[in-house]
Each structure stands twice: as structure tokens, then as C-alpha cells.
N, C-alpha and C. Protein backbone atom coordinates (compact mmCIF):
# COMPACT_ATOMS: atom_id res chain seq x y z
N MET A 1 13.86 -11.51 7.56
CA MET A 1 13.14 -11.00 6.40
C MET A 1 14.07 -11.02 5.19
N ARG A 2 13.52 -11.39 4.08
CA ARG A 2 14.30 -11.46 2.84
C ARG A 2 14.38 -10.12 2.13
N TYR A 3 13.31 -9.33 2.20
CA TYR A 3 13.22 -8.14 1.36
C TYR A 3 13.22 -6.82 2.10
N PHE A 4 13.11 -6.84 3.39
CA PHE A 4 12.97 -5.60 4.16
C PHE A 4 14.01 -5.51 5.27
N ASN A 5 14.23 -4.27 5.70
CA ASN A 5 15.02 -3.99 6.89
C ASN A 5 14.11 -3.29 7.89
N TYR A 6 14.34 -3.51 9.16
CA TYR A 6 13.49 -2.88 10.18
C TYR A 6 13.45 -1.36 10.04
N CYS A 7 14.55 -0.76 9.62
CA CYS A 7 14.60 0.71 9.52
C CYS A 7 13.59 1.25 8.52
N GLU A 8 13.18 0.44 7.55
CA GLU A 8 12.16 0.88 6.59
C GLU A 8 10.82 1.14 7.27
N PHE A 9 10.64 0.58 8.45
CA PHE A 9 9.37 0.69 9.18
C PHE A 9 9.45 1.69 10.34
N ASP A 10 10.58 2.38 10.49
CA ASP A 10 10.74 3.35 11.58
C ASP A 10 9.75 4.50 11.48
N SER A 11 9.21 4.90 12.62
CA SER A 11 8.46 6.14 12.69
C SER A 11 9.47 7.28 12.49
N PRO A 12 9.13 8.32 11.72
CA PRO A 12 10.10 9.38 11.45
C PRO A 12 10.63 10.07 12.71
N ASP A 13 9.89 9.99 13.79
CA ASP A 13 10.30 10.68 15.01
C ASP A 13 10.97 9.75 16.02
N GLN A 14 11.23 8.49 15.63
CA GLN A 14 11.87 7.57 16.57
C GLN A 14 12.68 6.51 15.82
N LEU A 15 13.98 6.78 15.68
CA LEU A 15 14.86 5.82 15.02
C LEU A 15 14.85 4.49 15.77
N GLY A 16 14.85 3.41 15.04
CA GLY A 16 14.85 2.09 15.63
C GLY A 16 13.47 1.55 15.97
N SER A 17 12.45 2.36 15.77
CA SER A 17 11.09 1.94 16.15
C SER A 17 10.51 0.89 15.21
N GLY A 18 11.15 0.65 14.08
CA GLY A 18 10.70 -0.41 13.19
C GLY A 18 10.74 -1.77 13.85
N HIS A 19 11.55 -1.90 14.91
CA HIS A 19 11.61 -3.15 15.66
C HIS A 19 10.33 -3.39 16.46
N ASN A 20 9.45 -2.40 16.52
CA ASN A 20 8.16 -2.56 17.19
C ASN A 20 7.11 -3.22 16.29
N MET A 21 7.46 -3.49 15.05
CA MET A 21 6.52 -4.12 14.13
C MET A 21 6.27 -5.57 14.56
N ASP A 22 5.05 -6.03 14.35
CA ASP A 22 4.67 -7.40 14.65
C ASP A 22 5.39 -8.36 13.70
N GLU A 23 6.05 -9.37 14.25
CA GLU A 23 6.84 -10.30 13.44
C GLU A 23 5.98 -11.10 12.46
N ASP A 24 4.79 -11.52 12.87
CA ASP A 24 3.91 -12.27 11.97
C ASP A 24 3.47 -11.40 10.79
N PHE A 25 3.16 -10.13 11.09
CA PHE A 25 2.80 -9.18 10.03
C PHE A 25 3.95 -9.05 9.03
N LEU A 26 5.16 -8.86 9.55
CA LEU A 26 6.33 -8.69 8.68
C LEU A 26 6.58 -9.93 7.83
N GLN A 27 6.37 -11.11 8.39
CA GLN A 27 6.57 -12.33 7.62
C GLN A 27 5.58 -12.42 6.47
N MET A 28 4.31 -12.09 6.76
CA MET A 28 3.30 -12.10 5.69
C MET A 28 3.63 -11.08 4.62
N LEU A 29 4.09 -9.89 5.03
CA LEU A 29 4.44 -8.85 4.07
C LEU A 29 5.62 -9.29 3.22
N ASP A 30 6.59 -9.93 3.84
CA ASP A 30 7.74 -10.44 3.12
C ASP A 30 7.30 -11.51 2.10
N ASP A 31 6.37 -12.36 2.50
CA ASP A 31 5.84 -13.38 1.59
C ASP A 31 5.10 -12.74 0.41
N ALA A 32 4.35 -11.67 0.70
CA ALA A 32 3.63 -10.96 -0.36
C ALA A 32 4.61 -10.33 -1.34
N ARG A 33 5.67 -9.75 -0.83
CA ARG A 33 6.70 -9.15 -1.68
C ARG A 33 7.32 -10.20 -2.58
N ASP A 34 7.57 -11.38 -2.03
CA ASP A 34 8.14 -12.47 -2.81
C ASP A 34 7.18 -12.89 -3.91
N PHE A 35 5.91 -13.03 -3.59
CA PHE A 35 4.90 -13.43 -4.57
C PHE A 35 4.76 -12.38 -5.68
N ALA A 36 4.76 -11.10 -5.30
CA ALA A 36 4.57 -10.03 -6.28
C ALA A 36 5.73 -9.94 -7.26
N GLY A 37 6.93 -10.18 -6.78
CA GLY A 37 8.09 -10.10 -7.66
C GLY A 37 8.49 -8.67 -8.01
N ILE A 38 7.96 -7.71 -7.28
CA ILE A 38 8.33 -6.30 -7.48
C ILE A 38 8.68 -5.71 -6.12
N PRO A 39 9.51 -4.67 -6.09
CA PRO A 39 9.84 -4.05 -4.80
C PRO A 39 8.61 -3.44 -4.13
N PHE A 40 8.57 -3.50 -2.83
CA PHE A 40 7.56 -2.80 -2.03
C PHE A 40 8.29 -1.68 -1.30
N LYS A 41 7.98 -0.45 -1.65
CA LYS A 41 8.57 0.70 -0.95
C LYS A 41 7.63 1.09 0.18
N ILE A 42 8.10 0.94 1.41
CA ILE A 42 7.28 1.24 2.58
C ILE A 42 7.31 2.75 2.83
N THR A 43 6.14 3.38 2.81
CA THR A 43 6.07 4.81 3.07
C THR A 43 5.65 5.11 4.50
N SER A 44 5.07 4.13 5.16
CA SER A 44 4.71 4.27 6.58
C SER A 44 4.60 2.90 7.18
N GLY A 45 5.29 2.70 8.28
CA GLY A 45 5.23 1.44 9.01
C GLY A 45 4.77 1.73 10.43
N PHE A 46 5.67 1.52 11.38
CA PHE A 46 5.33 1.84 12.77
C PHE A 46 5.20 3.35 12.92
N ARG A 47 4.23 3.76 13.72
CA ARG A 47 4.06 5.18 14.05
C ARG A 47 3.96 5.34 15.55
N THR A 48 4.69 6.31 16.07
CA THR A 48 4.47 6.66 17.47
C THR A 48 3.12 7.36 17.55
N PRO A 49 2.47 7.33 18.71
CA PRO A 49 1.19 8.04 18.83
C PRO A 49 1.30 9.52 18.47
N SER A 50 2.38 10.16 18.86
CA SER A 50 2.53 11.59 18.55
C SER A 50 2.69 11.83 17.05
N HIS A 51 3.43 10.97 16.36
CA HIS A 51 3.57 11.12 14.91
C HIS A 51 2.23 10.86 14.23
N SER A 52 1.52 9.86 14.70
CA SER A 52 0.22 9.53 14.12
C SER A 52 -0.73 10.72 14.21
N ARG A 53 -0.78 11.36 15.37
CA ARG A 53 -1.64 12.55 15.53
C ARG A 53 -1.14 13.69 14.64
N ALA A 54 0.16 13.85 14.54
CA ALA A 54 0.74 14.95 13.75
C ALA A 54 0.38 14.87 12.27
N ILE A 55 0.15 13.65 11.77
CA ILE A 55 -0.19 13.51 10.36
C ILE A 55 -1.70 13.37 10.14
N GLY A 56 -2.46 13.61 11.19
CA GLY A 56 -3.92 13.62 11.06
C GLY A 56 -4.60 12.29 11.31
N SER A 57 -3.85 11.31 11.77
CA SER A 57 -4.45 10.03 12.14
C SER A 57 -4.67 10.04 13.65
N ASN A 58 -4.88 8.90 14.23
CA ASN A 58 -5.07 8.88 15.68
C ASN A 58 -4.10 7.89 16.32
N ASP A 59 -4.02 7.94 17.63
CA ASP A 59 -3.05 7.08 18.31
C ASP A 59 -3.60 5.67 18.55
N ARG A 60 -4.76 5.37 17.97
CA ARG A 60 -5.31 4.00 18.01
C ARG A 60 -5.12 3.34 16.63
N SER A 61 -4.37 3.97 15.77
CA SER A 61 -4.10 3.44 14.44
C SER A 61 -3.40 2.08 14.54
N SER A 62 -3.68 1.21 13.59
CA SER A 62 -3.00 -0.08 13.52
C SER A 62 -1.49 0.10 13.33
N HIS A 63 -1.10 1.24 12.75
CA HIS A 63 0.33 1.54 12.61
C HIS A 63 0.99 1.66 13.99
N CYS A 64 0.29 2.21 14.96
CA CYS A 64 0.84 2.40 16.31
C CYS A 64 1.02 1.07 17.04
N LEU A 65 0.37 0.04 16.55
CA LEU A 65 0.48 -1.30 17.14
C LEU A 65 1.50 -2.16 16.39
N GLY A 66 2.07 -1.60 15.33
CA GLY A 66 3.02 -2.37 14.51
C GLY A 66 2.35 -3.40 13.64
N LEU A 67 1.08 -3.17 13.33
CA LEU A 67 0.29 -4.12 12.56
C LEU A 67 -0.11 -3.61 11.18
N ALA A 68 0.54 -2.55 10.71
CA ALA A 68 0.13 -1.94 9.44
C ALA A 68 1.34 -1.35 8.71
N ALA A 69 1.17 -1.25 7.40
CA ALA A 69 2.17 -0.58 6.56
C ALA A 69 1.47 0.02 5.35
N ASP A 70 2.06 1.09 4.84
CA ASP A 70 1.63 1.68 3.59
C ASP A 70 2.72 1.42 2.56
N ILE A 71 2.31 0.98 1.38
CA ILE A 71 3.24 0.61 0.31
C ILE A 71 3.00 1.54 -0.87
N ALA A 72 4.05 2.19 -1.34
CA ALA A 72 3.93 3.10 -2.48
C ALA A 72 3.59 2.32 -3.75
N CYS A 73 2.76 2.92 -4.60
CA CYS A 73 2.51 2.35 -5.93
C CYS A 73 2.33 3.52 -6.90
N GLY A 74 2.95 3.37 -8.05
CA GLY A 74 2.94 4.46 -9.02
C GLY A 74 2.00 4.27 -10.19
N THR A 75 1.59 3.03 -10.43
CA THR A 75 0.72 2.75 -11.57
C THR A 75 -0.43 1.84 -11.14
N SER A 76 -1.45 1.79 -11.95
CA SER A 76 -2.58 0.89 -11.68
C SER A 76 -2.13 -0.57 -11.71
N ARG A 77 -1.25 -0.91 -12.64
CA ARG A 77 -0.75 -2.28 -12.73
C ARG A 77 0.03 -2.66 -11.47
N GLU A 78 0.86 -1.75 -11.01
CA GLU A 78 1.62 -2.01 -9.78
C GLU A 78 0.67 -2.17 -8.59
N ARG A 79 -0.35 -1.33 -8.52
CA ARG A 79 -1.34 -1.44 -7.45
C ARG A 79 -2.00 -2.82 -7.49
N MET A 80 -2.35 -3.28 -8.69
CA MET A 80 -2.98 -4.60 -8.83
C MET A 80 -2.04 -5.71 -8.38
N GLU A 81 -0.77 -5.63 -8.77
CA GLU A 81 0.21 -6.64 -8.37
C GLU A 81 0.38 -6.69 -6.85
N ILE A 82 0.42 -5.53 -6.22
CA ILE A 82 0.56 -5.46 -4.77
C ILE A 82 -0.67 -6.05 -4.08
N ILE A 83 -1.84 -5.62 -4.49
CA ILE A 83 -3.08 -6.10 -3.86
C ILE A 83 -3.26 -7.60 -4.07
N THR A 84 -2.98 -8.08 -5.27
CA THR A 84 -3.08 -9.52 -5.54
C THR A 84 -2.16 -10.31 -4.62
N ALA A 85 -0.94 -9.84 -4.47
CA ALA A 85 0.02 -10.52 -3.60
C ALA A 85 -0.43 -10.50 -2.14
N LEU A 86 -0.94 -9.35 -1.69
CA LEU A 86 -1.40 -9.25 -0.30
C LEU A 86 -2.55 -10.22 -0.03
N LEU A 87 -3.50 -10.27 -0.95
CA LEU A 87 -4.64 -11.18 -0.79
C LEU A 87 -4.18 -12.65 -0.85
N THR A 88 -3.24 -12.94 -1.72
CA THR A 88 -2.76 -14.31 -1.89
C THR A 88 -2.14 -14.86 -0.61
N VAL A 89 -1.42 -14.04 0.13
CA VAL A 89 -0.76 -14.53 1.35
C VAL A 89 -1.67 -14.47 2.57
N GLY A 90 -2.88 -13.94 2.40
CA GLY A 90 -3.84 -13.99 3.49
C GLY A 90 -4.24 -12.68 4.14
N PHE A 91 -3.72 -11.56 3.67
CA PHE A 91 -4.19 -10.28 4.21
C PHE A 91 -5.62 -10.05 3.76
N ASP A 92 -6.45 -9.48 4.65
CA ASP A 92 -7.83 -9.20 4.26
C ASP A 92 -8.30 -7.83 4.73
N ARG A 93 -7.36 -6.95 5.03
CA ARG A 93 -7.68 -5.55 5.35
C ARG A 93 -6.77 -4.67 4.50
N ILE A 94 -7.34 -4.06 3.47
CA ILE A 94 -6.55 -3.30 2.50
C ILE A 94 -7.24 -1.97 2.23
N GLY A 95 -6.46 -0.90 2.28
CA GLY A 95 -6.95 0.43 1.93
C GLY A 95 -6.23 0.93 0.70
N ILE A 96 -6.96 1.56 -0.19
CA ILE A 96 -6.39 2.06 -1.44
C ILE A 96 -6.41 3.58 -1.43
N GLY A 97 -5.22 4.16 -1.51
CA GLY A 97 -5.10 5.60 -1.52
C GLY A 97 -4.47 6.08 -2.81
N ASP A 98 -4.28 7.37 -2.91
CA ASP A 98 -3.65 7.97 -4.08
C ASP A 98 -2.15 7.76 -3.96
N GLY A 99 -1.64 6.76 -4.66
CA GLY A 99 -0.20 6.51 -4.65
C GLY A 99 0.26 5.54 -3.59
N PHE A 100 -0.65 4.90 -2.87
CA PHE A 100 -0.23 3.92 -1.87
C PHE A 100 -1.33 2.89 -1.63
N VAL A 101 -0.89 1.75 -1.08
CA VAL A 101 -1.80 0.71 -0.62
C VAL A 101 -1.50 0.50 0.86
N HIS A 102 -2.53 0.59 1.68
CA HIS A 102 -2.42 0.30 3.11
C HIS A 102 -2.78 -1.16 3.32
N VAL A 103 -2.05 -1.83 4.21
CA VAL A 103 -2.39 -3.20 4.59
C VAL A 103 -2.19 -3.32 6.10
N ASP A 104 -3.11 -4.04 6.74
CA ASP A 104 -2.92 -4.33 8.16
C ASP A 104 -3.53 -5.67 8.51
N CYS A 105 -3.19 -6.15 9.69
CA CYS A 105 -3.73 -7.42 10.18
C CYS A 105 -4.23 -7.24 11.61
N ASP A 106 -4.90 -6.13 11.85
CA ASP A 106 -5.41 -5.78 13.17
C ASP A 106 -6.70 -6.55 13.43
N VAL A 107 -6.64 -7.55 14.29
CA VAL A 107 -7.81 -8.41 14.55
C VAL A 107 -8.90 -7.69 15.35
N GLU A 108 -8.60 -6.51 15.85
CA GLU A 108 -9.60 -5.73 16.58
C GLU A 108 -10.49 -4.93 15.64
N ARG A 109 -10.23 -5.02 14.36
CA ARG A 109 -11.00 -4.27 13.36
C ARG A 109 -11.71 -5.24 12.42
N ASP A 110 -12.67 -4.72 11.64
CA ASP A 110 -13.42 -5.55 10.71
C ASP A 110 -12.48 -6.33 9.79
N GLU A 111 -12.85 -7.57 9.51
CA GLU A 111 -12.08 -8.41 8.59
C GLU A 111 -12.72 -8.39 7.21
N ALA A 112 -11.95 -8.84 6.24
CA ALA A 112 -12.41 -8.99 4.86
C ALA A 112 -12.99 -7.69 4.31
N VAL A 113 -12.18 -6.63 4.34
CA VAL A 113 -12.62 -5.32 3.85
C VAL A 113 -11.53 -4.70 2.97
N ILE A 114 -12.00 -3.98 1.97
CA ILE A 114 -11.13 -3.12 1.17
C ILE A 114 -11.82 -1.76 1.11
N TRP A 115 -11.08 -0.70 1.37
CA TRP A 115 -11.66 0.64 1.38
C TRP A 115 -10.75 1.59 0.60
N THR A 116 -11.26 2.77 0.33
CA THR A 116 -10.49 3.80 -0.36
C THR A 116 -10.34 5.01 0.56
N TYR A 117 -9.34 5.80 0.28
CA TYR A 117 -9.08 7.04 1.01
C TYR A 117 -9.52 8.25 0.20
N TYR A 118 -10.27 8.04 -0.87
CA TYR A 118 -10.66 9.14 -1.75
C TYR A 118 -11.89 9.83 -1.22
């Protein structure tokens, strides 16, 4: 990876768990970061099932499979740059939250969707 380290994707309750991320997902994310030309700060990558439940998600989350990441964004322009880059490299599952963009490539879920967390 050119722009990321595995530790950025660690579940807070398991050091080294960033290595559980899917390599194809990470390559696409790295390509998106390159296209965007701005840093991507990962706020959530791999999650253990227990951490996922602790934060109100479930243990079937795409994060638990190493197929998802949340990227911090502070402005509308930054959000647009991130989403444009994600779509350009082929991601088609994007969630928009307050201060973050979720992206995943979980083929077990609906494709070609964008949703909000509001």
C-alpha cells in the first residue's frame, strides 16, 4: 500500500487486526486515495465481533469481514472528493454519515447503493 499502514485498520480491542483486512479492498482504497489527492483518515477498519457489538453495530458487519472502512471528512468538499474517488475506482457501496464516509465491497449485500446514517 502506498498511503496506508495496516495498523490504521486495527480494531481498538485487538492490535494487529488490521492484517485481517481484505487485500483487494485495501488496493482499491489505496487507488481511491491516490485519485483523490487528499489524505484519508481511517476512523474504523477491521472490527472484532465484540467491538462491533460494543459500538452498537452487529457481528455480521462488513467491518468484521475486513471489507469495510470509515473515512473521516470535515467539509462538504472533502466528502465530495472522497466519494468521487471511491466511485471512480469502482466502489459501489457508500454510506454517508456525520463526519465520515463508509465504504465497503461486501458482495453479500446490495450493490450500487448510497445511504445515509442520518
